[in-house]
mmCIF file of all heavy atoms, coordinates in Angstrom:
data_MODEL
# 
_entry.id   MODEL 
# 
loop_
_atom_site.group_PDB 
_atom_site.id 
_atom_site.type_symbol 
_atom_site.label_atom_id 
_atom_site.label_alt_id 
_atom_site.label_comp_id 
_atom_site.label_asym_id 
_atom_site.label_entity_id 
_atom_site.label_seq_id 
_atom_site.pdbx_PDB_ins_code 
_atom_site.Cartn_x 
_atom_site.Cartn_y 
_atom_site.Cartn_z 
_atom_site.occupancy 
_atom_site.B_iso_or_equiv 
_atom_site.pdbx_formal_charge 
_atom_site.auth_seq_id 
_atom_site.auth_comp_id 
_atom_site.auth_asym_id 
_atom_site.auth_atom_id 
_atom_site.pdbx_PDB_model_num 
ATOM 1   N N   . LEU A 1 1  ? 93.440  85.612  99.636  1.00 0.00 ? 1  LEU A N   1 
ATOM 2   C CA  . LEU A 1 1  ? 92.640  86.521  98.818  1.00 0.00 ? 1  LEU A CA  1 
ATOM 3   C C   . LEU A 1 1  ? 93.521  87.439  97.972  1.00 0.00 ? 1  LEU A C   1 
ATOM 4   O O   . LEU A 1 1  ? 93.248  87.654  96.785  1.00 0.00 ? 1  LEU A O   1 
ATOM 5   C CB  . LEU A 1 1  ? 91.719  87.361  99.706  1.00 0.00 ? 1  LEU A CB  1 
ATOM 6   C CG  . LEU A 1 1  ? 90.844  88.396  98.996  1.00 0.00 ? 1  LEU A CG  1 
ATOM 7   C CD1 . LEU A 1 1  ? 89.928  87.738  97.968  1.00 0.00 ? 1  LEU A CD1 1 
ATOM 8   C CD2 . LEU A 1 1  ? 90.024  89.203  100.012 1.00 0.00 ? 1  LEU A CD2 1 
ATOM 9   N N   . GLN A 1 2  ? 94.583  87.965  98.560  1.00 0.00 ? 2  GLN A N   1 
ATOM 10  C CA  . GLN A 1 2  ? 95.485  88.844  97.805  1.00 0.00 ? 2  GLN A CA  1 
ATOM 11  C C   . GLN A 1 2  ? 96.147  88.086  96.658  1.00 0.00 ? 2  GLN A C   1 
ATOM 12  O O   . GLN A 1 2  ? 96.333  88.629  95.566  1.00 0.00 ? 2  GLN A O   1 
ATOM 13  C CB  . GLN A 1 2  ? 96.550  89.429  98.739  1.00 0.00 ? 2  GLN A CB  1 
ATOM 14  C CG  . GLN A 1 2  ? 96.011  90.498  99.678  1.00 0.00 ? 2  GLN A CG  1 
ATOM 15  C CD  . GLN A 1 2  ? 97.045  90.913  100.711 1.00 0.00 ? 2  GLN A CD  1 
ATOM 16  O OE1 . GLN A 1 2  ? 97.574  90.076  101.440 1.00 0.00 ? 2  GLN A OE1 1 
ATOM 17  N NE2 . GLN A 1 2  ? 97.342  92.197  100.772 1.00 0.00 ? 2  GLN A NE2 1 
ATOM 18  N N   . ASN A 1 3  ? 96.513  86.842  96.894  1.00 0.00 ? 3  ASN A N   1 
ATOM 19  C CA  . ASN A 1 3  ? 97.117  86.036  95.832  1.00 0.00 ? 3  ASN A CA  1 
ATOM 20  C C   . ASN A 1 3  ? 96.134  85.814  94.691  1.00 0.00 ? 3  ASN A C   1 
ATOM 21  O O   . ASN A 1 3  ? 96.503  85.911  93.516  1.00 0.00 ? 3  ASN A O   1 
ATOM 22  C CB  . ASN A 1 3  ? 97.586  84.693  96.393  1.00 0.00 ? 3  ASN A CB  1 
ATOM 23  C CG  . ASN A 1 3  ? 99.000  84.745  96.935  1.00 0.00 ? 3  ASN A CG  1 
ATOM 24  O OD1 . ASN A 1 3  ? 99.971  84.660  96.188  1.00 0.00 ? 3  ASN A OD1 1 
ATOM 25  N ND2 . ASN A 1 3  ? 99.112  84.895  98.242  1.00 0.00 ? 3  ASN A ND2 1 
ATOM 26  N N   . VAL A 1 4  ? 94.884  85.534  95.016  1.00 0.00 ? 4  VAL A N   1 
ATOM 27  C CA  . VAL A 1 4  ? 93.879  85.329  93.978  1.00 0.00 ? 4  VAL A CA  1 
ATOM 28  C C   . VAL A 1 4  ? 93.679  86.604  93.170  1.00 0.00 ? 4  VAL A C   1 
ATOM 29  O O   . VAL A 1 4  ? 93.568  86.579  91.940  1.00 0.00 ? 4  VAL A O   1 
ATOM 30  C CB  . VAL A 1 4  ? 92.552  84.853  94.590  1.00 0.00 ? 4  VAL A CB  1 
ATOM 31  C CG1 . VAL A 1 4  ? 91.460  84.758  93.517  1.00 0.00 ? 4  VAL A CG1 1 
ATOM 32  C CG2 . VAL A 1 4  ? 92.733  83.498  95.268  1.00 0.00 ? 4  VAL A CG2 1 
ATOM 33  N N   . LEU A 1 5  ? 93.656  87.745  93.861  1.00 0.00 ? 5  LEU A N   1 
ATOM 34  C CA  . LEU A 1 5  ? 93.440  89.031  93.189  1.00 0.00 ? 5  LEU A CA  1 
ATOM 35  C C   . LEU A 1 5  ? 94.560  89.378  92.209  1.00 0.00 ? 5  LEU A C   1 
ATOM 36  O O   . LEU A 1 5  ? 94.357  90.191  91.303  1.00 0.00 ? 5  LEU A O   1 
ATOM 37  C CB  . LEU A 1 5  ? 93.288  90.148  94.226  1.00 0.00 ? 5  LEU A CB  1 
ATOM 38  C CG  . LEU A 1 5  ? 91.928  90.184  94.928  1.00 0.00 ? 5  LEU A CG  1 
ATOM 39  C CD1 . LEU A 1 5  ? 91.972  91.091  96.144  1.00 0.00 ? 5  LEU A CD1 1 
ATOM 40  C CD2 . LEU A 1 5  ? 90.839  90.663  93.960  1.00 0.00 ? 5  LEU A CD2 1 
ATOM 41  N N   . HIS A 1 6  ? 95.727  88.745  92.364  1.00 0.00 ? 6  HIS A N   1 
ATOM 42  C CA  . HIS A 1 6  ? 96.810  88.972  91.397  1.00 0.00 ? 6  HIS A CA  1 
ATOM 43  C C   . HIS A 1 6  ? 96.392  88.578  89.984  1.00 0.00 ? 6  HIS A C   1 
ATOM 44  O O   . HIS A 1 6  ? 97.000  89.015  89.010  1.00 0.00 ? 6  HIS A O   1 
ATOM 45  C CB  . HIS A 1 6  ? 98.061  88.194  91.811  1.00 0.00 ? 6  HIS A CB  1 
ATOM 46  C CG  . HIS A 1 6  ? 98.802  88.827  92.942  1.00 0.00 ? 6  HIS A CG  1 
ATOM 47  N ND1 . HIS A 1 6  ? 99.893  88.249  93.555  1.00 0.00 ? 6  HIS A ND1 1 
ATOM 48  C CD2 . HIS A 1 6  ? 98.610  90.010  93.576  1.00 0.00 ? 6  HIS A CD2 1 
ATOM 49  C CE1 . HIS A 1 6  ? 100.341 89.039  94.508  1.00 0.00 ? 6  HIS A CE1 1 
ATOM 50  N NE2 . HIS A 1 6  ? 99.578  90.105  94.549  1.00 0.00 ? 6  HIS A NE2 1 
ATOM 51  N N   . GLY A 1 7  ? 95.345  87.774  89.871  1.00 0.00 ? 7  GLY A N   1 
ATOM 52  C CA  . GLY A 1 7  ? 94.831  87.426  88.552  1.00 0.00 ? 7  GLY A CA  1 
ATOM 53  C C   . GLY A 1 7  ? 94.264  88.605  87.789  1.00 0.00 ? 7  GLY A C   1 
ATOM 54  O O   . GLY A 1 7  ? 94.064  88.519  86.573  1.00 0.00 ? 7  GLY A O   1 
ATOM 55  N N   . ARG A 1 8  ? 94.020  89.709  88.469  1.00 0.00 ? 8  ARG A N   1 
ATOM 56  C CA  . ARG A 1 8  ? 93.479  90.900  87.807  1.00 0.00 ? 8  ARG A CA  1 
ATOM 57  C C   . ARG A 1 8  ? 94.551  91.935  87.464  1.00 0.00 ? 8  ARG A C   1 
ATOM 58  O O   . ARG A 1 8  ? 94.238  92.982  86.871  1.00 0.00 ? 8  ARG A O   1 
ATOM 59  C CB  . ARG A 1 8  ? 92.427  91.581  88.707  1.00 0.00 ? 8  ARG A CB  1 
ATOM 60  C CG  . ARG A 1 8  ? 91.239  90.705  89.042  1.00 0.00 ? 8  ARG A CG  1 
ATOM 61  C CD  . ARG A 1 8  ? 90.564  90.138  87.819  1.00 0.00 ? 8  ARG A CD  1 
ATOM 62  N NE  . ARG A 1 8  ? 89.960  91.175  86.978  1.00 0.00 ? 8  ARG A NE  1 
ATOM 63  C CZ  . ARG A 1 8  ? 89.414  90.939  85.789  1.00 0.00 ? 8  ARG A CZ  1 
ATOM 64  N NH1 . ARG A 1 8  ? 89.421  89.708  85.296  1.00 0.00 ? 8  ARG A NH1 1 
ATOM 65  N NH2 . ARG A 1 8  ? 88.871  91.905  85.095  1.00 0.00 ? 8  ARG A NH2 1 
ATOM 66  N N   . LEU A 1 9  ? 95.797  91.684  87.816  1.00 0.00 ? 9  LEU A N   1 
ATOM 67  C CA  . LEU A 1 9  ? 96.844  92.683  87.609  1.00 0.00 ? 9  LEU A CA  1 
ATOM 68  C C   . LEU A 1 9  ? 96.999  93.077  86.145  1.00 0.00 ? 9  LEU A C   1 
ATOM 69  O O   . LEU A 1 9  ? 97.295  94.232  85.830  1.00 0.00 ? 9  LEU A O   1 
ATOM 70  C CB  . LEU A 1 9  ? 98.181  92.163  88.146  1.00 0.00 ? 9  LEU A CB  1 
ATOM 71  C CG  . LEU A 1 9  ? 98.292  92.059  89.676  1.00 0.00 ? 9  LEU A CG  1 
ATOM 72  C CD1 . LEU A 1 9  ? 99.632  91.450  90.074  1.00 0.00 ? 9  LEU A CD1 1 
ATOM 73  C CD2 . LEU A 1 9  ? 98.112  93.431  90.334  1.00 0.00 ? 9  LEU A CD2 1 
ATOM 74  N N   . GLY A 1 10 ? 96.792  92.133  85.245  1.00 0.00 ? 10 GLY A N   1 
ATOM 75  C CA  . GLY A 1 10 ? 96.929  92.432  83.822  1.00 0.00 ? 10 GLY A CA  1 
ATOM 76  C C   . GLY A 1 10 ? 95.875  93.380  83.289  1.00 0.00 ? 10 GLY A C   1 
ATOM 77  O O   . GLY A 1 10 ? 96.014  93.923  82.188  1.00 0.00 ? 10 GLY A O   1 
ATOM 78  N N   . TYR A 1 11 ? 94.817  93.602  84.069  1.00 0.00 ? 11 TYR A N   1 
ATOM 79  C CA  . TYR A 1 11 ? 93.740  94.499  83.658  1.00 0.00 ? 11 TYR A CA  1 
ATOM 80  C C   . TYR A 1 11 ? 93.865  95.884  84.288  1.00 0.00 ? 11 TYR A C   1 
ATOM 81  O O   . TYR A 1 11 ? 93.051  96.761  84.012  1.00 0.00 ? 11 TYR A O   1 
ATOM 82  C CB  . TYR A 1 11 ? 92.380  93.911  84.060  1.00 0.00 ? 11 TYR A CB  1 
ATOM 83  C CG  . TYR A 1 11 ? 92.015  92.652  83.318  1.00 0.00 ? 11 TYR A CG  1 
ATOM 84  C CD1 . TYR A 1 11 ? 92.437  91.406  83.770  1.00 0.00 ? 11 TYR A CD1 1 
ATOM 85  C CD2 . TYR A 1 11 ? 91.248  92.694  82.152  1.00 0.00 ? 11 TYR A CD2 1 
ATOM 86  C CE1 . TYR A 1 11 ? 92.104  90.243  83.095  1.00 0.00 ? 11 TYR A CE1 1 
ATOM 87  C CE2 . TYR A 1 11 ? 90.905  91.542  81.476  1.00 0.00 ? 11 TYR A CE2 1 
ATOM 88  C CZ  . TYR A 1 11 ? 91.343  90.321  81.950  1.00 0.00 ? 11 TYR A CZ  1 
ATOM 89  O OH  . TYR A 1 11 ? 91.010  89.168  81.281  1.00 0.00 ? 11 TYR A OH  1 
ATOM 90  N N   . MET A 1 12 ? 94.867  96.078  85.151  1.00 0.00 ? 12 MET A N   1 
ATOM 91  C CA  . MET A 1 12 ? 94.965  97.307  85.930  1.00 0.00 ? 12 MET A CA  1 
ATOM 92  C C   . MET A 1 12 ? 96.065  98.226  85.414  1.00 0.00 ? 12 MET A C   1 
ATOM 93  O O   . MET A 1 12 ? 97.018  97.787  84.793  1.00 0.00 ? 12 MET A O   1 
ATOM 94  C CB  . MET A 1 12 ? 95.222  96.954  87.402  1.00 0.00 ? 12 MET A CB  1 
ATOM 95  C CG  . MET A 1 12 ? 94.090  96.145  88.035  1.00 0.00 ? 12 MET A CG  1 
ATOM 96  S SD  . MET A 1 12 ? 94.542  95.385  89.615  1.00 0.00 ? 12 MET A SD  1 
ATOM 97  C CE  . MET A 1 12 ? 94.873  96.850  90.605  1.00 0.00 ? 12 MET A CE  1 
ATOM 98  N N   . SER A 1 13 ? 95.911  99.513  85.703  1.00 0.00 ? 13 SER A N   1 
ATOM 99  C CA  . SER A 1 13 ? 96.952  100.485 85.376  1.00 0.00 ? 13 SER A CA  1 
ATOM 100 C C   . SER A 1 13 ? 98.153  100.263 86.289  1.00 0.00 ? 13 SER A C   1 
ATOM 101 O O   . SER A 1 13 ? 98.046  99.592  87.325  1.00 0.00 ? 13 SER A O   1 
ATOM 102 C CB  . SER A 1 13 ? 96.425  101.913 85.565  1.00 0.00 ? 13 SER A CB  1 
ATOM 103 O OG  . SER A 1 13 ? 96.166  102.164 86.942  1.00 0.00 ? 13 SER A OG  1 
ATOM 104 N N   . GLY A 1 14 ? 99.277  100.842 85.908  1.00 0.00 ? 14 GLY A N   1 
ATOM 105 C CA  . GLY A 1 14 ? 100.496 100.670 86.685  1.00 0.00 ? 14 GLY A CA  1 
ATOM 106 C C   . GLY A 1 14 ? 100.360 101.094 88.129  1.00 0.00 ? 14 GLY A C   1 
ATOM 107 O O   . GLY A 1 14 ? 100.755 100.374 89.052  1.00 0.00 ? 14 GLY A O   1 
ATOM 108 N N   . ILE A 1 15 ? 99.779  102.272 88.359  1.00 0.00 ? 15 ILE A N   1 
ATOM 109 C CA  . ILE A 1 15 ? 99.634  102.801 89.717  1.00 0.00 ? 15 ILE A CA  1 
ATOM 110 C C   . ILE A 1 15 ? 98.731  101.900 90.556  1.00 0.00 ? 15 ILE A C   1 
ATOM 111 O O   . ILE A 1 15 ? 99.057  101.548 91.698  1.00 0.00 ? 15 ILE A O   1 
ATOM 112 C CB  . ILE A 1 15 ? 99.065  104.237 89.682  1.00 0.00 ? 15 ILE A CB  1 
ATOM 113 C CG1 . ILE A 1 15 ? 100.071 105.181 89.005  1.00 0.00 ? 15 ILE A CG1 1 
ATOM 114 C CG2 . ILE A 1 15 ? 98.757  104.712 91.098  1.00 0.00 ? 15 ILE A CG2 1 
ATOM 115 C CD1 . ILE A 1 15 ? 101.382 105.330 89.748  1.00 0.00 ? 15 ILE A CD1 1 
ATOM 116 N N   . LYS A 1 16 ? 97.595  101.511 90.006  1.00 0.00 ? 16 LYS A N   1 
ATOM 117 C CA  . LYS A 1 16 ? 96.659  100.666 90.757  1.00 0.00 ? 16 LYS A CA  1 
ATOM 118 C C   . LYS A 1 16 ? 97.266  99.313  91.081  1.00 0.00 ? 16 LYS A C   1 
ATOM 119 O O   . LYS A 1 16 ? 97.062  98.772  92.174  1.00 0.00 ? 16 LYS A O   1 
ATOM 120 C CB  . LYS A 1 16 ? 95.363  100.489 89.975  1.00 0.00 ? 16 LYS A CB  1 
ATOM 121 C CG  . LYS A 1 16 ? 94.451  101.709 89.994  1.00 0.00 ? 16 LYS A CG  1 
ATOM 122 C CD  . LYS A 1 16 ? 93.100  101.392 89.394  1.00 0.00 ? 16 LYS A CD  1 
ATOM 123 C CE  . LYS A 1 16 ? 92.148  102.581 89.552  1.00 0.00 ? 16 LYS A CE  1 
ATOM 124 N NZ  . LYS A 1 16 ? 90.793  102.266 89.028  1.00 0.00 ? 16 LYS A NZ  1 
ATOM 125 N N   . SER A 1 17 ? 98.017  98.760  90.143  1.00 0.00 ? 17 SER A N   1 
ATOM 126 C CA  . SER A 1 17 ? 98.613  97.447  90.383  1.00 0.00 ? 17 SER A CA  1 
ATOM 127 C C   . SER A 1 17 ? 99.705  97.530  91.439  1.00 0.00 ? 17 SER A C   1 
ATOM 128 O O   . SER A 1 17 ? 99.847  96.620  92.273  1.00 0.00 ? 17 SER A O   1 
ATOM 129 C CB  . SER A 1 17 ? 99.180  96.868  89.082  1.00 0.00 ? 17 SER A CB  1 
ATOM 130 O OG  . SER A 1 17 ? 100.222 97.680  88.567  1.00 0.00 ? 17 SER A OG  1 
ATOM 131 N N   . ILE A 1 18 ? 100.485 98.615  91.434  1.00 0.00 ? 18 ILE A N   1 
ATOM 132 C CA  . ILE A 1 18 ? 101.564 98.778  92.410  1.00 0.00 ? 18 ILE A CA  1 
ATOM 133 C C   . ILE A 1 18 ? 101.010 98.829  93.833  1.00 0.00 ? 18 ILE A C   1 
ATOM 134 O O   . ILE A 1 18 ? 101.541 98.216  94.763  1.00 0.00 ? 18 ILE A O   1 
ATOM 135 C CB  . ILE A 1 18 ? 102.386 100.050 92.116  1.00 0.00 ? 18 ILE A CB  1 
ATOM 136 C CG1 . ILE A 1 18 ? 103.220 99.854  90.841  1.00 0.00 ? 18 ILE A CG1 1 
ATOM 137 C CG2 . ILE A 1 18 ? 103.300 100.401 93.301  1.00 0.00 ? 18 ILE A CG2 1 
ATOM 138 C CD1 . ILE A 1 18 ? 103.886 101.122 90.345  1.00 0.00 ? 18 ILE A CD1 1 
ATOM 139 N N   . PHE A 1 19 ? 99.901  99.535  94.000  1.00 0.00 ? 19 PHE A N   1 
ATOM 140 C CA  . PHE A 1 19 ? 99.330  99.718  95.337  1.00 0.00 ? 19 PHE A CA  1 
ATOM 141 C C   . PHE A 1 19 ? 98.203  98.729  95.648  1.00 0.00 ? 19 PHE A C   1 
ATOM 142 O O   . PHE A 1 19 ? 97.594  98.812  96.715  1.00 0.00 ? 19 PHE A O   1 
ATOM 143 C CB  . PHE A 1 19 ? 98.833  101.161 95.492  1.00 0.00 ? 19 PHE A CB  1 
ATOM 144 C CG  . PHE A 1 19 ? 99.933  102.185 95.521  1.00 0.00 ? 19 PHE A CG  1 
ATOM 145 C CD1 . PHE A 1 19 ? 100.229 102.944 94.403  1.00 0.00 ? 19 PHE A CD1 1 
ATOM 146 C CD2 . PHE A 1 19 ? 100.699 102.358 96.663  1.00 0.00 ? 19 PHE A CD2 1 
ATOM 147 C CE1 . PHE A 1 19 ? 101.261 103.877 94.412  1.00 0.00 ? 19 PHE A CE1 1 
ATOM 148 C CE2 . PHE A 1 19 ? 101.729 103.289 96.688  1.00 0.00 ? 19 PHE A CE2 1 
ATOM 149 C CZ  . PHE A 1 19 ? 102.011 104.048 95.571  1.00 0.00 ? 19 PHE A CZ  1 
ATOM 150 N N   . GLY A 1 20 ? 97.946  97.809  94.737  1.00 0.00 ? 20 GLY A N   1 
ATOM 151 C CA  . GLY A 1 20 ? 96.925  96.808  94.993  1.00 0.00 ? 20 GLY A CA  1 
ATOM 152 C C   . GLY A 1 20 ? 95.531  97.389  95.141  1.00 0.00 ? 20 GLY A C   1 
ATOM 153 O O   . GLY A 1 20 ? 94.759  96.956  96.003  1.00 0.00 ? 20 GLY A O   1 
ATOM 154 N N   . LEU A 1 21 ? 95.207  98.365  94.303  1.00 0.00 ? 21 LEU A N   1 
ATOM 155 C CA  . LEU A 1 21 ? 93.906  99.031  94.386  1.00 0.00 ? 21 LEU A CA  1 
ATOM 156 C C   . LEU A 1 21 ? 92.884  98.297  93.514  1.00 0.00 ? 21 LEU A C   1 
ATOM 157 O O   . LEU A 1 21 ? 92.550  98.716  92.411  1.00 0.00 ? 21 LEU A O   1 
ATOM 158 C CB  . LEU A 1 21 ? 94.044  100.502 93.952  1.00 0.00 ? 21 LEU A CB  1 
ATOM 159 C CG  . LEU A 1 21 ? 95.049  101.339 94.767  1.00 0.00 ? 21 LEU A CG  1 
ATOM 160 C CD1 . LEU A 1 21 ? 95.188  102.731 94.182  1.00 0.00 ? 21 LEU A CD1 1 
ATOM 161 C CD2 . LEU A 1 21 ? 94.622  101.415 96.234  1.00 0.00 ? 21 LEU A CD2 1 
ATOM 162 N N   . TYR A 1 22 ? 92.395  97.187  94.019  1.00 0.00 ? 22 TYR A N   1 
ATOM 163 C CA  . TYR A 1 22 ? 91.473  96.347  93.260  1.00 0.00 ? 22 TYR A CA  1 
ATOM 164 C C   . TYR A 1 22 ? 90.050  96.877  93.347  1.00 0.00 ? 22 TYR A C   1 
ATOM 165 O O   . TYR A 1 22 ? 89.637  97.454  94.360  1.00 0.00 ? 22 TYR A O   1 
ATOM 166 C CB  . TYR A 1 22 ? 91.512  94.916  93.791  1.00 0.00 ? 22 TYR A CB  1 
ATOM 167 C CG  . TYR A 1 22 ? 92.868  94.261  93.684  1.00 0.00 ? 22 TYR A CG  1 
ATOM 168 C CD1 . TYR A 1 22 ? 93.697  94.170  94.801  1.00 0.00 ? 22 TYR A CD1 1 
ATOM 169 C CD2 . TYR A 1 22 ? 93.335  93.756  92.473  1.00 0.00 ? 22 TYR A CD2 1 
ATOM 170 C CE1 . TYR A 1 22 ? 94.948  93.573  94.708  1.00 0.00 ? 22 TYR A CE1 1 
ATOM 171 C CE2 . TYR A 1 22 ? 94.575  93.164  92.375  1.00 0.00 ? 22 TYR A CE2 1 
ATOM 172 C CZ  . TYR A 1 22 ? 95.385  93.079  93.494  1.00 0.00 ? 22 TYR A CZ  1 
ATOM 173 O OH  . TYR A 1 22 ? 96.618  92.503  93.390  1.00 0.00 ? 22 TYR A OH  1 
ATOM 174 N N   . GLU A 1 23 ? 89.305  96.647  92.274  1.00 0.00 ? 23 GLU A N   1 
ATOM 175 C CA  . GLU A 1 23 ? 87.904  97.022  92.258  1.00 0.00 ? 23 GLU A CA  1 
ATOM 176 C C   . GLU A 1 23 ? 87.109  96.124  93.212  1.00 0.00 ? 23 GLU A C   1 
ATOM 177 O O   . GLU A 1 23 ? 87.435  94.953  93.404  1.00 0.00 ? 23 GLU A O   1 
ATOM 178 C CB  . GLU A 1 23 ? 87.334  96.903  90.839  1.00 0.00 ? 23 GLU A CB  1 
ATOM 179 C CG  . GLU A 1 23 ? 88.014  97.770  89.796  1.00 0.00 ? 23 GLU A CG  1 
ATOM 180 C CD  . GLU A 1 23 ? 87.749  99.252  89.999  1.00 0.00 ? 23 GLU A CD  1 
ATOM 181 O OE1 . GLU A 1 23 ? 86.735  99.583  90.656  1.00 0.00 ? 23 GLU A OE1 1 
ATOM 182 O OE2 . GLU A 1 23 ? 88.555  100.070 89.514  1.00 0.00 ? 23 GLU A OE2 1 
ATOM 183 N N   . GLU A 1 24 ? 86.055  96.681  93.801  1.00 0.00 ? 24 GLU A N   1 
ATOM 184 C CA  . GLU A 1 24 ? 85.220  95.898  94.716  1.00 0.00 ? 24 GLU A CA  1 
ATOM 185 C C   . GLU A 1 24 ? 84.626  94.685  94.003  1.00 0.00 ? 24 GLU A C   1 
ATOM 186 O O   . GLU A 1 24 ? 84.488  93.599  94.583  1.00 0.00 ? 24 GLU A O   1 
ATOM 187 C CB  . GLU A 1 24 ? 84.104  96.773  95.280  1.00 0.00 ? 24 GLU A CB  1 
ATOM 188 C CG  . GLU A 1 24 ? 83.475  96.227  96.546  1.00 0.00 ? 24 GLU A CG  1 
ATOM 189 C CD  . GLU A 1 24 ? 84.473  96.098  97.688  1.00 0.00 ? 24 GLU A CD  1 
ATOM 190 O OE1 . GLU A 1 24 ? 85.381  96.943  97.800  1.00 0.00 ? 24 GLU A OE1 1 
ATOM 191 O OE2 . GLU A 1 24 ? 84.344  95.124  98.454  1.00 0.00 ? 24 GLU A OE2 1 
ATOM 192 N N   . GLU A 1 25 ? 84.291  94.856  92.725  1.00 0.00 ? 25 GLU A N   1 
ATOM 193 C CA  . GLU A 1 25 ? 83.742  93.756  91.937  1.00 0.00 ? 25 GLU A CA  1 
ATOM 194 C C   . GLU A 1 25 ? 84.741  92.602  91.829  1.00 0.00 ? 25 GLU A C   1 
ATOM 195 O O   . GLU A 1 25 ? 84.368  91.428  91.884  1.00 0.00 ? 25 GLU A O   1 
ATOM 196 C CB  . GLU A 1 25 ? 83.361  94.248  90.540  1.00 0.00 ? 25 GLU A CB  1 
ATOM 197 C CG  . GLU A 1 25 ? 82.756  93.175  89.647  1.00 0.00 ? 25 GLU A CG  1 
ATOM 198 C CD  . GLU A 1 25 ? 82.459  93.690  88.251  1.00 0.00 ? 25 GLU A CD  1 
ATOM 199 O OE1 . GLU A 1 25 ? 82.675  94.886  87.985  1.00 0.00 ? 25 GLU A OE1 1 
ATOM 200 O OE2 . GLU A 1 25 ? 82.004  92.885  87.416  1.00 0.00 ? 25 GLU A OE2 1 
ATOM 201 N N   . ASP A 1 26 ? 86.031  92.942  91.679  1.00 0.00 ? 26 ASP A N   1 
ATOM 202 C CA  . ASP A 1 26 ? 87.064  91.912  91.594  1.00 0.00 ? 26 ASP A CA  1 
ATOM 203 C C   . ASP A 1 26 ? 87.185  91.156  92.910  1.00 0.00 ? 26 ASP A C   1 
ATOM 204 O O   . ASP A 1 26 ? 87.373  89.933  92.923  1.00 0.00 ? 26 ASP A O   1 
ATOM 205 C CB  . ASP A 1 26 ? 88.411  92.525  91.210  1.00 0.00 ? 26 ASP A CB  1 
ATOM 206 C CG  . ASP A 1 26 ? 88.433  93.055  89.787  1.00 0.00 ? 26 ASP A CG  1 
ATOM 207 O OD1 . ASP A 1 26 ? 87.628  92.564  88.967  1.00 0.00 ? 26 ASP A OD1 1 
ATOM 208 O OD2 . ASP A 1 26 ? 89.247  93.950  89.498  1.00 0.00 ? 26 ASP A OD2 1 
# 
């Protein structure tokens, strides 16, 4: 699941991407 969520990293801010703070929708 974490690997799949990496597909959203390009849509996230630097801080959120560093800490893996994905949206529930994602």
